[in-house]
Amino acid sequence: MHGFGFASALSEIGLPHGDIPIVLFAFNVGVEAGQLAFIAVVLTILAIAKRVTLPIWVTRNAYSVATFAIGSLAAFWLIERVAIFFA
C-alpha cells in the first residue's frame, strides 16, 4: 500500500512514469539497508554491554530508566502530532 502512495506522490512531482518503479525499488532498498544497519548497531552495543561490568545500581535500574525514556519519547511524539493536527 505504501508503494502506491509513494508512486502517486512521485508522479505528482513530475517524475516520468517509466522511472517510478526503479525509484520505488531504490527507496525500499535504502529503507531496508537502514533497518539492517540499525540492528547491527544495536547488536554491537549489546555485545559490548555484556562484556562491561557495571555497578549493581545501574543494572537494577537500567530497565526502568529505558522504559521511561521510550515512553516519554512516544508521548512527546503523540502530543506533537496531535497538536499539529488541531493547529
N, C-alpha and C. Protein backbone atom coordinates (compact mmCIF):
# COMPACT_ATOMS: atom_id res chain seq x y z
N MET A 1 0.82 -1.20 0.00
CA MET A 1 0.00 0.00 0.00
C MET A 1 0.85 1.26 0.00
N HIS A 2 1.96 1.22 0.77
CA HIS A 2 2.81 2.40 0.80
C HIS A 2 3.35 2.72 -0.59
N GLY A 3 3.65 1.69 -1.34
CA GLY A 3 4.20 1.89 -2.69
C GLY A 3 3.27 2.68 -3.57
N PHE A 4 1.96 2.41 -3.46
CA PHE A 4 1.00 3.16 -4.27
C PHE A 4 0.97 4.63 -3.88
N GLY A 5 1.06 4.90 -2.59
CA GLY A 5 1.09 6.29 -2.11
C GLY A 5 2.32 7.02 -2.59
N PHE A 6 3.47 6.36 -2.49
CA PHE A 6 4.71 6.97 -2.96
C PHE A 6 4.68 7.15 -4.48
N ALA A 7 4.14 6.16 -5.19
CA ALA A 7 4.09 6.25 -6.65
C ALA A 7 3.24 7.43 -7.08
N SER A 8 2.11 7.64 -6.43
CA SER A 8 1.27 8.78 -6.82
C SER A 8 1.95 10.09 -6.47
N ALA A 9 2.65 10.14 -5.34
CA ALA A 9 3.37 11.36 -4.97
C ALA A 9 4.50 11.64 -5.96
N LEU A 10 5.19 10.58 -6.39
CA LEU A 10 6.29 10.76 -7.35
C LEU A 10 5.77 11.24 -8.70
N SER A 11 4.61 10.73 -9.12
CA SER A 11 4.07 11.17 -10.40
C SER A 11 3.56 12.61 -10.30
N GLU A 12 3.09 13.02 -9.12
CA GLU A 12 2.63 14.40 -8.93
C GLU A 12 3.76 15.41 -9.01
N ILE A 13 4.98 15.00 -8.61
CA ILE A 13 6.10 15.95 -8.66
C ILE A 13 6.77 15.97 -10.02
N GLY A 14 6.25 15.17 -10.96
CA GLY A 14 6.71 15.25 -12.33
C GLY A 14 7.69 14.17 -12.75
N LEU A 15 7.87 13.14 -11.94
CA LEU A 15 8.75 12.04 -12.32
C LEU A 15 8.08 11.22 -13.41
N PRO A 16 8.79 10.92 -14.50
CA PRO A 16 8.18 10.12 -15.57
C PRO A 16 7.72 8.75 -15.06
N HIS A 17 6.61 8.27 -15.58
CA HIS A 17 6.03 7.01 -15.11
C HIS A 17 6.99 5.83 -15.29
N GLY A 18 7.84 5.88 -16.29
CA GLY A 18 8.78 4.79 -16.51
C GLY A 18 9.87 4.72 -15.45
N ASP A 19 10.14 5.83 -14.76
CA ASP A 19 11.17 5.87 -13.73
C ASP A 19 10.66 5.52 -12.34
N ILE A 20 9.35 5.51 -12.15
CA ILE A 20 8.78 5.29 -10.82
C ILE A 20 9.15 3.93 -10.25
N PRO A 21 9.07 2.82 -11.00
CA PRO A 21 9.41 1.52 -10.39
C PRO A 21 10.85 1.46 -9.85
N ILE A 22 11.82 1.99 -10.59
CA ILE A 22 13.20 1.94 -10.13
C ILE A 22 13.41 2.85 -8.93
N VAL A 23 12.73 3.98 -8.89
CA VAL A 23 12.84 4.89 -7.75
C VAL A 23 12.24 4.24 -6.51
N LEU A 24 11.08 3.60 -6.65
CA LEU A 24 10.47 2.90 -5.51
C LEU A 24 11.35 1.76 -5.03
N PHE A 25 11.94 1.02 -5.98
CA PHE A 25 12.83 -0.08 -5.60
C PHE A 25 14.04 0.45 -4.83
N ALA A 26 14.66 1.50 -5.34
CA ALA A 26 15.83 2.07 -4.68
C ALA A 26 15.47 2.61 -3.29
N PHE A 27 14.31 3.23 -3.17
CA PHE A 27 13.86 3.74 -1.87
C PHE A 27 13.68 2.60 -0.88
N ASN A 28 13.03 1.53 -1.31
CA ASN A 28 12.79 0.40 -0.41
C ASN A 28 14.09 -0.30 -0.02
N VAL A 29 15.02 -0.42 -0.97
CA VAL A 29 16.33 -1.00 -0.64
C VAL A 29 17.04 -0.12 0.39
N GLY A 30 16.96 1.17 0.24
CA GLY A 30 17.57 2.09 1.20
C GLY A 30 16.95 1.97 2.58
N VAL A 31 15.63 1.84 2.64
CA VAL A 31 14.95 1.68 3.93
C VAL A 31 15.39 0.38 4.60
N GLU A 32 15.43 -0.70 3.84
CA GLU A 32 15.84 -1.98 4.40
C GLU A 32 17.30 -1.95 4.85
N ALA A 33 18.16 -1.32 4.08
CA ALA A 33 19.57 -1.20 4.47
C ALA A 33 19.71 -0.40 5.76
N GLY A 34 18.92 0.64 5.89
CA GLY A 34 18.93 1.43 7.12
C GLY A 34 18.48 0.62 8.33
N GLN A 35 17.46 -0.20 8.15
CA GLN A 35 16.98 -1.05 9.24
C GLN A 35 18.03 -2.08 9.63
N LEU A 36 18.69 -2.68 8.65
CA LEU A 36 19.74 -3.65 8.94
C LEU A 36 20.92 -2.99 9.65
N ALA A 37 21.26 -1.78 9.24
CA ALA A 37 22.35 -1.06 9.90
C ALA A 37 21.99 -0.74 11.35
N PHE A 38 20.76 -0.35 11.59
CA PHE A 38 20.31 -0.07 12.95
C PHE A 38 20.39 -1.32 13.82
N ILE A 39 19.94 -2.44 13.30
CA ILE A 39 20.01 -3.70 14.04
C ILE A 39 21.46 -4.07 14.33
N ALA A 40 22.35 -3.87 13.36
CA ALA A 40 23.77 -4.17 13.57
C ALA A 40 24.35 -3.30 14.69
N VAL A 41 23.98 -2.03 14.72
CA VAL A 41 24.48 -1.14 15.77
C VAL A 41 23.95 -1.57 17.14
N VAL A 42 22.67 -1.89 17.22
CA VAL A 42 22.09 -2.32 18.49
C VAL A 42 22.73 -3.61 18.98
N LEU A 43 22.92 -4.58 18.09
CA LEU A 43 23.55 -5.84 18.49
C LEU A 43 25.00 -5.63 18.93
N THR A 44 25.70 -4.72 18.27
CA THR A 44 27.07 -4.40 18.68
C THR A 44 27.11 -3.78 20.07
N ILE A 45 26.20 -2.85 20.31
CA ILE A 45 26.13 -2.21 21.63
C ILE A 45 25.79 -3.24 22.70
N LEU A 46 24.86 -4.15 22.41
CA LEU A 46 24.52 -5.19 23.38
C LEU A 46 25.68 -6.13 23.65
N ALA A 47 26.43 -6.48 22.62
CA ALA A 47 27.59 -7.36 22.79
C ALA A 47 28.65 -6.68 23.66
N ILE A 48 28.87 -5.39 23.44
CA ILE A 48 29.84 -4.66 24.25
C ILE A 48 29.34 -4.52 25.68
N ALA A 49 28.05 -4.26 25.84
CA ALA A 49 27.48 -4.08 27.18
C ALA A 49 27.57 -5.35 28.01
N LYS A 50 27.49 -6.52 27.38
CA LYS A 50 27.60 -7.77 28.12
C LYS A 50 29.00 -7.98 28.66
N ARG A 51 30.00 -7.39 28.04
CA ARG A 51 31.39 -7.57 28.47
C ARG A 51 31.81 -6.56 29.53
N VAL A 52 31.01 -5.52 29.73
CA VAL A 52 31.35 -4.47 30.69
C VAL A 52 30.67 -4.76 32.02
N THR A 53 31.43 -4.68 33.08
CA THR A 53 30.87 -4.86 34.42
C THR A 53 30.39 -3.51 34.94
N LEU A 54 29.11 -3.44 35.24
CA LEU A 54 28.51 -2.19 35.70
C LEU A 54 28.16 -2.30 37.18
N PRO A 55 28.09 -1.17 37.85
CA PRO A 55 27.66 -1.20 39.26
C PRO A 55 26.25 -1.78 39.38
N ILE A 56 25.95 -2.37 40.50
CA ILE A 56 24.67 -3.05 40.71
C ILE A 56 23.49 -2.10 40.57
N TRP A 57 23.65 -0.84 41.00
CA TRP A 57 22.53 0.10 40.90
C TRP A 57 22.20 0.41 39.45
N VAL A 58 23.18 0.35 38.55
CA VAL A 58 22.93 0.59 37.13
C VAL A 58 22.15 -0.58 36.54
N THR A 59 22.59 -1.79 36.82
CA THR A 59 21.89 -2.95 36.27
C THR A 59 20.49 -3.10 36.85
N ARG A 60 20.31 -2.70 38.09
CA ARG A 60 19.00 -2.81 38.72
C ARG A 60 18.01 -1.79 38.16
N ASN A 61 18.48 -0.61 37.77
CA ASN A 61 17.58 0.46 37.33
C ASN A 61 17.55 0.67 35.82
N ALA A 62 18.40 -0.01 35.06
CA ALA A 62 18.51 0.24 33.63
C ALA A 62 17.19 -0.03 32.90
N TYR A 63 16.50 -1.11 33.23
CA TYR A 63 15.25 -1.45 32.56
C TYR A 63 14.19 -0.37 32.80
N SER A 64 14.06 0.08 34.03
CA SER A 64 13.06 1.11 34.35
C SER A 64 13.37 2.43 33.66
N VAL A 65 14.64 2.82 33.65
CA VAL A 65 15.03 4.08 33.02
C VAL A 65 14.80 4.01 31.51
N ALA A 66 15.17 2.89 30.89
CA ALA A 66 14.97 2.75 29.45
C ALA A 66 13.48 2.77 29.11
N THR A 67 12.67 2.09 29.90
CA THR A 67 11.23 2.07 29.67
C THR A 67 10.64 3.47 29.80
N PHE A 68 11.06 4.20 30.81
CA PHE A 68 10.58 5.57 31.00
C PHE A 68 11.01 6.46 29.84
N ALA A 69 12.24 6.33 29.39
CA ALA A 69 12.74 7.16 28.29
C ALA A 69 11.97 6.89 27.00
N ILE A 70 11.74 5.62 26.69
CA ILE A 70 10.99 5.27 25.48
C ILE A 70 9.56 5.76 25.57
N GLY A 71 8.93 5.58 26.71
CA GLY A 71 7.56 6.06 26.90
C GLY A 71 7.45 7.57 26.82
N SER A 72 8.43 8.28 27.37
CA SER A 72 8.43 9.74 27.31
C SER A 72 8.57 10.23 25.87
N LEU A 73 9.46 9.60 25.13
CA LEU A 73 9.64 9.99 23.73
C LEU A 73 8.37 9.72 22.92
N ALA A 74 7.75 8.58 23.15
CA ALA A 74 6.50 8.25 22.44
C ALA A 74 5.40 9.25 22.80
N ALA A 75 5.29 9.61 24.08
CA ALA A 75 4.28 10.58 24.50
C ALA A 75 4.54 11.95 23.86
N PHE A 76 5.81 12.36 23.79
CA PHE A 76 6.16 13.63 23.15
C PHE A 76 5.72 13.63 21.69
N TRP A 77 6.04 12.55 20.97
CA TRP A 77 5.66 12.48 19.55
C TRP A 77 4.14 12.50 19.40
N LEU A 78 3.44 11.80 20.27
CA LEU A 78 1.97 11.79 20.20
C LEU A 78 1.41 13.19 20.40
N ILE A 79 1.87 13.87 21.44
CA ILE A 79 1.38 15.23 21.73
C ILE A 79 1.73 16.17 20.59
N GLU A 80 2.95 16.04 20.05
CA GLU A 80 3.36 16.90 18.95
C GLU A 80 2.47 16.70 17.72
N ARG A 81 2.16 15.47 17.39
CA ARG A 81 1.34 15.20 16.21
C ARG A 81 -0.11 15.59 16.41
N VAL A 82 -0.62 15.40 17.61
CA VAL A 82 -2.00 15.82 17.88
C VAL A 82 -2.08 17.34 17.82
N ALA A 83 -1.07 18.03 18.35
CA ALA A 83 -1.07 19.50 18.31
C ALA A 83 -1.02 20.01 16.87
N ILE A 84 -0.24 19.35 16.03
CA ILE A 84 -0.17 19.75 14.61
C ILE A 84 -1.50 19.48 13.92
N PHE A 85 -2.15 18.38 14.28
CA PHE A 85 -3.43 18.03 13.67
C PHE A 85 -4.48 19.09 13.96
N PHE A 86 -4.49 19.61 15.18
CA PHE A 86 -5.51 20.59 15.56
C PHE A 86 -5.09 22.03 15.28
N ALA A 87 -3.88 22.23 14.81
CA ALA A 87 -3.41 23.61 14.54
C ALA A 87 -3.98 24.13 13.25
